[in-house]
Amino acid sequence: MKKKRFGERAVNKVIEVILSRLVDTDRLQVQIKTTLNRLAQGEVDAIAIHMYGYLMRPNLRVESFLFDIGAAAVNVKSAMRRKIELLHPSTGSLHLTLTETQFTNLLTAELDQMTALVPTQILQQVGCVFAAEGTVVLDWQWLDTGESYSGRWVGLPNVHPEDCSVEFTSTVHGEPVPDYWLTLAIANLRRTLNLLDLANQGTTFQVKTVAIDAGKAIVKANAYIDYVPSN
């Protein structure tokens, strides 16, 4: 038992060291489950990679990124050289949590870069609310030629059954929000909830559910892992 735990801890540490070179995260924790015999062959029953405060893309740091990989075979010699090499593809699941404050920070940073497009329109404030009833609310306040305006976009996320993409059924309240602001905001929302920033990194994600609750958005997805980036 002690040998098994020592072996697991050693592999945990190796994977943590490798991933810490690749990602920007406040806290990283790796845990494997296996038997001593399977570990000697480089086989594990499960790998759990949990990141908190993970920088998913510039200006967007998510609350938690919980990535669980099922049974996998790892090249032990490569692992000792600090490279994660899967001997065959594996499957797993992802549980991602994003707060409304984190998404508001992203929108503010992205929209600030567009202020020069229409000099007469000045964005004063944009805020994202993940409402308890399951909707995403974007509240806007802006000036247009010195006049104050406010508007609200309300979207209900739906996962398309055929391609597992996240789309929105939406309504607009108050003054119409300028198209170039609203288009950028919705595109960022889709990009985030569809996990597009995680594509082309050796893993394919298929979104299962998107749950909007008070203050948070939770995305659950299936994962298909061909390889783990190590450089």
Protein backbone atom coordinates (compact mmCIF):
# COMPACT_ATOMS: atom_id res chain seq x y z
CA MET A 1 0.00 0.00 0.00
CA LYS A 2 2.81 2.41 0.90
CA LYS A 3 4.59 1.64 -2.39
CA LYS A 4 1.35 2.25 -4.28
CA ARG A 5 0.78 5.60 -2.58
CA PHE A 6 4.39 6.63 -3.12
CA GLY A 7 4.12 5.74 -6.81
CA GLU A 8 0.87 7.63 -7.19
CA ARG A 9 2.30 10.70 -5.46
CA ALA A 10 5.38 10.60 -7.69
CA VAL A 11 3.29 10.48 -10.87
CA ASN A 12 0.98 13.18 -9.49
CA LYS A 13 3.97 15.45 -8.96
CA VAL A 14 5.42 14.79 -12.40
CA ILE A 15 2.12 15.67 -14.10
CA GLU A 16 1.74 18.79 -11.95
CA VAL A 17 5.24 19.96 -12.89
CA ILE A 18 4.54 19.42 -16.60
CA LEU A 19 1.17 21.16 -16.55
CA SER A 20 2.47 24.08 -14.49
CA ARG A 21 4.74 24.93 -17.43
CA LEU A 22 1.79 24.98 -19.81
CA VAL A 23 -1.01 26.75 -17.96
CA ASP A 24 -1.55 29.89 -15.87
CA THR A 25 -3.56 28.89 -12.83
CA ASP A 26 -3.81 29.95 -9.19
CA ARG A 27 -3.87 26.38 -7.93
CA LEU A 28 -3.24 23.03 -9.61
CA GLN A 29 -3.91 19.59 -8.19
CA VAL A 30 -3.41 16.22 -9.91
CA GLN A 31 -4.54 12.89 -8.51
CA ILE A 32 -4.29 9.45 -10.11
CA LYS A 33 -5.92 6.19 -9.10
CA THR A 34 -4.31 2.88 -9.92
CA THR A 35 -2.94 -0.38 -8.52
CA LEU A 36 0.73 -1.09 -7.98
CA ASN A 37 0.82 -3.65 -10.78
CA ARG A 38 -0.94 -1.36 -13.22
CA LEU A 39 1.29 1.55 -12.23
CA ALA A 40 4.37 -0.57 -12.98
CA GLN A 41 3.00 -1.01 -16.51
CA GLY A 42 2.24 2.69 -16.83
CA GLU A 43 -1.51 2.12 -16.55
CA VAL A 44 -3.84 4.19 -14.40
CA ASP A 45 -7.53 3.81 -13.63
CA ALA A 46 -8.18 7.55 -13.59
CA ILE A 47 -6.42 10.92 -13.71
CA ALA A 48 -8.07 13.96 -12.12
CA ILE A 49 -6.67 17.38 -13.08
CA HIS A 50 -8.21 20.16 -11.02
CA MET A 51 -7.33 23.81 -11.63
CA TYR A 52 -8.66 26.82 -9.77
CA GLY A 53 -8.33 30.34 -11.15
CA TYR A 54 -7.31 28.92 -14.55
CA LEU A 55 -6.58 31.50 -17.25
CA MET A 56 -8.68 30.09 -20.07
CA ARG A 57 -7.74 32.94 -22.41
CA PRO A 58 -6.53 36.54 -22.04
CA ASN A 59 -8.84 38.46 -19.67
CA LEU A 60 -10.79 35.32 -18.69
CA ARG A 61 -9.82 33.43 -15.56
CA VAL A 62 -12.41 30.77 -14.63
CA GLU A 63 -13.27 29.73 -11.09
CA SER A 64 -12.65 26.01 -11.54
CA PHE A 65 -11.63 23.59 -14.28
CA LEU A 66 -12.12 19.99 -13.21
CA PHE A 67 -10.88 17.53 -15.84
CA ASP A 68 -11.28 13.82 -15.13
CA ILE A 69 -9.65 11.32 -17.50
CA GLY A 70 -10.73 7.69 -17.43
CA ALA A 71 -8.54 4.59 -17.73
CA ALA A 72 -5.34 5.47 -19.54
CA ALA A 73 -1.93 4.01 -20.28
CA VAL A 74 0.99 6.38 -19.74
CA ASN A 75 4.53 5.87 -20.99
CA VAL A 76 6.34 5.71 -17.64
CA LYS A 77 9.79 6.39 -19.13
CA SER A 78 8.45 9.49 -20.88
CA ALA A 79 6.78 10.61 -17.65
CA MET A 80 10.10 10.39 -15.83
CA ARG A 81 11.49 12.69 -18.54
CA ARG A 82 8.63 15.06 -17.71
CA LYS A 83 6.58 14.37 -20.79
CA ILE A 84 3.03 12.99 -20.65
CA GLU A 85 2.59 10.41 -23.41
CA LEU A 86 -0.63 8.41 -23.65
CA LEU A 87 -0.17 4.98 -25.19
CA HIS A 88 -3.72 5.05 -26.56
CA PRO A 89 -6.59 7.58 -26.69
CA SER A 90 -8.79 7.93 -23.63
CA THR A 91 -12.10 9.47 -22.60
CA GLY A 92 -13.10 11.69 -19.73
CA SER A 93 -15.26 14.55 -18.55
CA LEU A 94 -14.97 18.26 -17.83
CA HIS A 95 -16.73 20.34 -15.20
CA LEU A 96 -16.07 24.07 -15.70
CA THR A 97 -17.38 26.84 -13.45
CA LEU A 98 -17.39 30.52 -14.45
CA THR A 99 -18.62 33.42 -12.30
CA GLU A 100 -20.56 36.42 -13.58
CA THR A 101 -17.80 38.71 -12.28
CA GLN A 102 -15.19 36.87 -14.34
CA PHE A 103 -17.27 37.18 -17.50
CA THR A 104 -18.02 40.86 -16.79
CA ASN A 105 -14.27 41.50 -16.51
CA LEU A 106 -13.75 39.83 -19.90
CA LEU A 107 -16.48 41.91 -21.57
CA THR A 108 -15.18 45.15 -20.08
CA ALA A 109 -11.66 44.46 -21.34
CA GLU A 110 -12.83 43.40 -24.81
CA LEU A 111 -15.28 46.28 -25.27
CA ASP A 112 -12.80 48.89 -24.06
CA GLN A 113 -10.76 48.09 -27.16
CA MET A 114 -13.70 49.09 -29.39
CA THR A 115 -14.36 52.55 -27.94
CA ALA A 116 -12.71 54.34 -30.86
CA LEU A 117 -14.94 52.74 -33.53
CA VAL A 118 -17.85 55.14 -33.00
CA PRO A 119 -16.57 58.26 -31.19
CA THR A 120 -20.09 59.52 -30.45
CA GLN A 121 -20.99 56.34 -28.53
CA ILE A 122 -19.34 55.86 -25.14
CA LEU A 123 -19.88 52.65 -23.18
CA GLN A 124 -20.28 53.57 -19.52
CA GLN A 125 -20.93 50.14 -18.08
CA VAL A 126 -21.66 46.55 -19.04
CA GLY A 127 -22.51 43.87 -16.51
CA CYS A 128 -23.23 40.16 -16.73
CA VAL A 129 -25.66 38.45 -14.38
CA PHE A 130 -26.07 34.69 -14.20
CA ALA A 131 -29.63 34.62 -12.89
CA ALA A 132 -31.15 31.99 -10.62
CA GLU A 133 -33.89 31.26 -13.16
CA GLY A 134 -31.29 29.98 -15.64
CA THR A 135 -30.78 33.00 -17.88
CA VAL A 136 -27.78 35.13 -18.78
CA VAL A 137 -28.49 38.86 -18.41
CA LEU A 138 -26.31 41.55 -20.00
CA ASP A 139 -27.03 45.07 -18.74
CA TRP A 140 -25.73 48.07 -20.67
CA GLN A 141 -25.39 51.79 -20.04
CA TRP A 142 -23.95 54.13 -22.64
CA LEU A 143 -23.87 57.67 -24.02
CA ASP A 144 -24.76 58.51 -27.61
CA THR A 145 -24.05 62.09 -28.64
CA GLY A 146 -24.28 63.09 -25.00
CA GLU A 147 -27.60 61.33 -24.33
CA SER A 148 -27.82 58.51 -21.74
CA TYR A 149 -29.25 55.13 -22.74
CA SER A 150 -29.68 51.73 -21.12
CA GLY A 151 -30.63 48.33 -22.46
CA ARG A 152 -30.78 44.70 -21.41
CA TRP A 153 -30.22 41.45 -23.27
CA VAL A 154 -31.58 38.25 -21.71
CA GLY A 155 -30.52 34.87 -23.10
CA LEU A 156 -31.55 31.32 -22.25
CA PRO A 157 -28.82 28.82 -23.23
CA ASN A 158 -29.73 25.62 -25.03
CA VAL A 159 -27.45 22.75 -26.05
CA HIS A 160 -28.24 21.72 -29.61
CA PRO A 161 -28.90 17.94 -29.62
CA GLU A 162 -27.19 17.26 -32.96
CA ASP A 163 -23.85 19.06 -32.71
CA CYS A 164 -23.83 19.78 -28.94
CA SER A 165 -23.28 23.49 -29.57
CA VAL A 166 -24.62 26.11 -27.17
CA GLU A 167 -27.05 28.66 -28.61
CA PHE A 168 -29.38 31.22 -27.04
CA THR A 169 -33.06 32.08 -27.15
CA SER A 170 -33.00 35.80 -26.36
CA THR A 171 -35.04 38.94 -25.76
CA VAL A 172 -34.02 42.61 -25.59
CA HIS A 173 -35.44 45.16 -23.16
CA GLY A 174 -35.08 48.93 -23.07
CA GLU A 175 -33.10 50.73 -25.76
CA PRO A 176 -31.53 48.64 -28.54
CA VAL A 177 -27.89 47.98 -27.66
CA PRO A 178 -25.51 49.01 -30.50
CA ASP A 179 -25.01 45.97 -32.70
CA TYR A 180 -21.21 45.87 -32.63
CA TRP A 181 -21.18 45.77 -28.81
CA LEU A 182 -23.92 43.18 -28.50
CA THR A 183 -22.49 40.98 -31.27
CA LEU A 184 -19.08 40.92 -29.59
CA ALA A 185 -20.59 40.12 -26.18
CA ILE A 186 -22.72 37.23 -27.46
CA ALA A 187 -19.80 35.86 -29.51
CA ASN A 188 -17.66 35.81 -26.36
CA LEU A 189 -20.43 34.07 -24.45
CA ARG A 190 -20.80 31.38 -27.12
CA ARG A 191 -17.05 30.95 -27.42
CA THR A 192 -16.69 30.42 -23.69
CA LEU A 193 -19.63 28.08 -23.12
CA ASN A 194 -18.79 26.05 -26.24
CA LEU A 195 -15.23 25.55 -24.88
CA LEU A 196 -13.74 26.77 -28.16
CA ASP A 197 -10.59 28.00 -26.42
CA LEU A 198 -9.80 24.41 -25.50
CA ALA A 199 -10.02 23.05 -29.05
CA ASN A 200 -7.01 21.79 -31.00
CA GLN A 201 -5.01 20.89 -27.88
CA GLY A 202 -5.18 17.13 -28.23
CA THR A 203 -8.65 16.90 -26.71
CA THR A 204 -12.14 17.22 -28.18
CA PHE A 205 -14.96 18.37 -25.91
CA GLN A 206 -18.65 17.66 -26.46
CA VAL A 207 -20.87 19.87 -24.31
CA LYS A 208 -23.57 17.96 -22.43
CA THR A 209 -25.21 20.62 -20.27
CA VAL A 210 -24.97 24.31 -19.43
CA ALA A 211 -26.50 25.26 -16.10
CA ILE A 212 -26.96 28.90 -15.12
CA ASP A 213 -27.46 29.44 -11.42
CA ALA A 214 -27.19 32.42 -9.08
CA GLY A 215 -23.87 34.03 -9.97
CA LYS A 216 -22.35 31.08 -11.83
CA ALA A 217 -22.39 29.21 -15.14
CA ILE A 218 -21.50 25.52 -15.05
CA VAL A 219 -20.53 23.64 -18.21
CA LYS A 220 -20.35 19.84 -18.24
CA ALA A 221 -18.82 18.08 -21.22
CA ASN A 222 -17.55 14.72 -22.41
CA ALA A 223 -13.91 14.61 -23.45
CA TYR A 224 -12.00 12.55 -26.00
CA ILE A 225 -8.24 12.70 -25.39
CA ASP A 226 -5.78 11.82 -28.15
CA TYR A 227 -2.71 13.26 -26.45
CA VAL A 228 -1.70 15.59 -23.64
CA PRO A 229 0.39 18.64 -24.66
CA SER A 230 3.74 18.55 -22.86
CA ASN A 231 5.77 21.28 -24.54
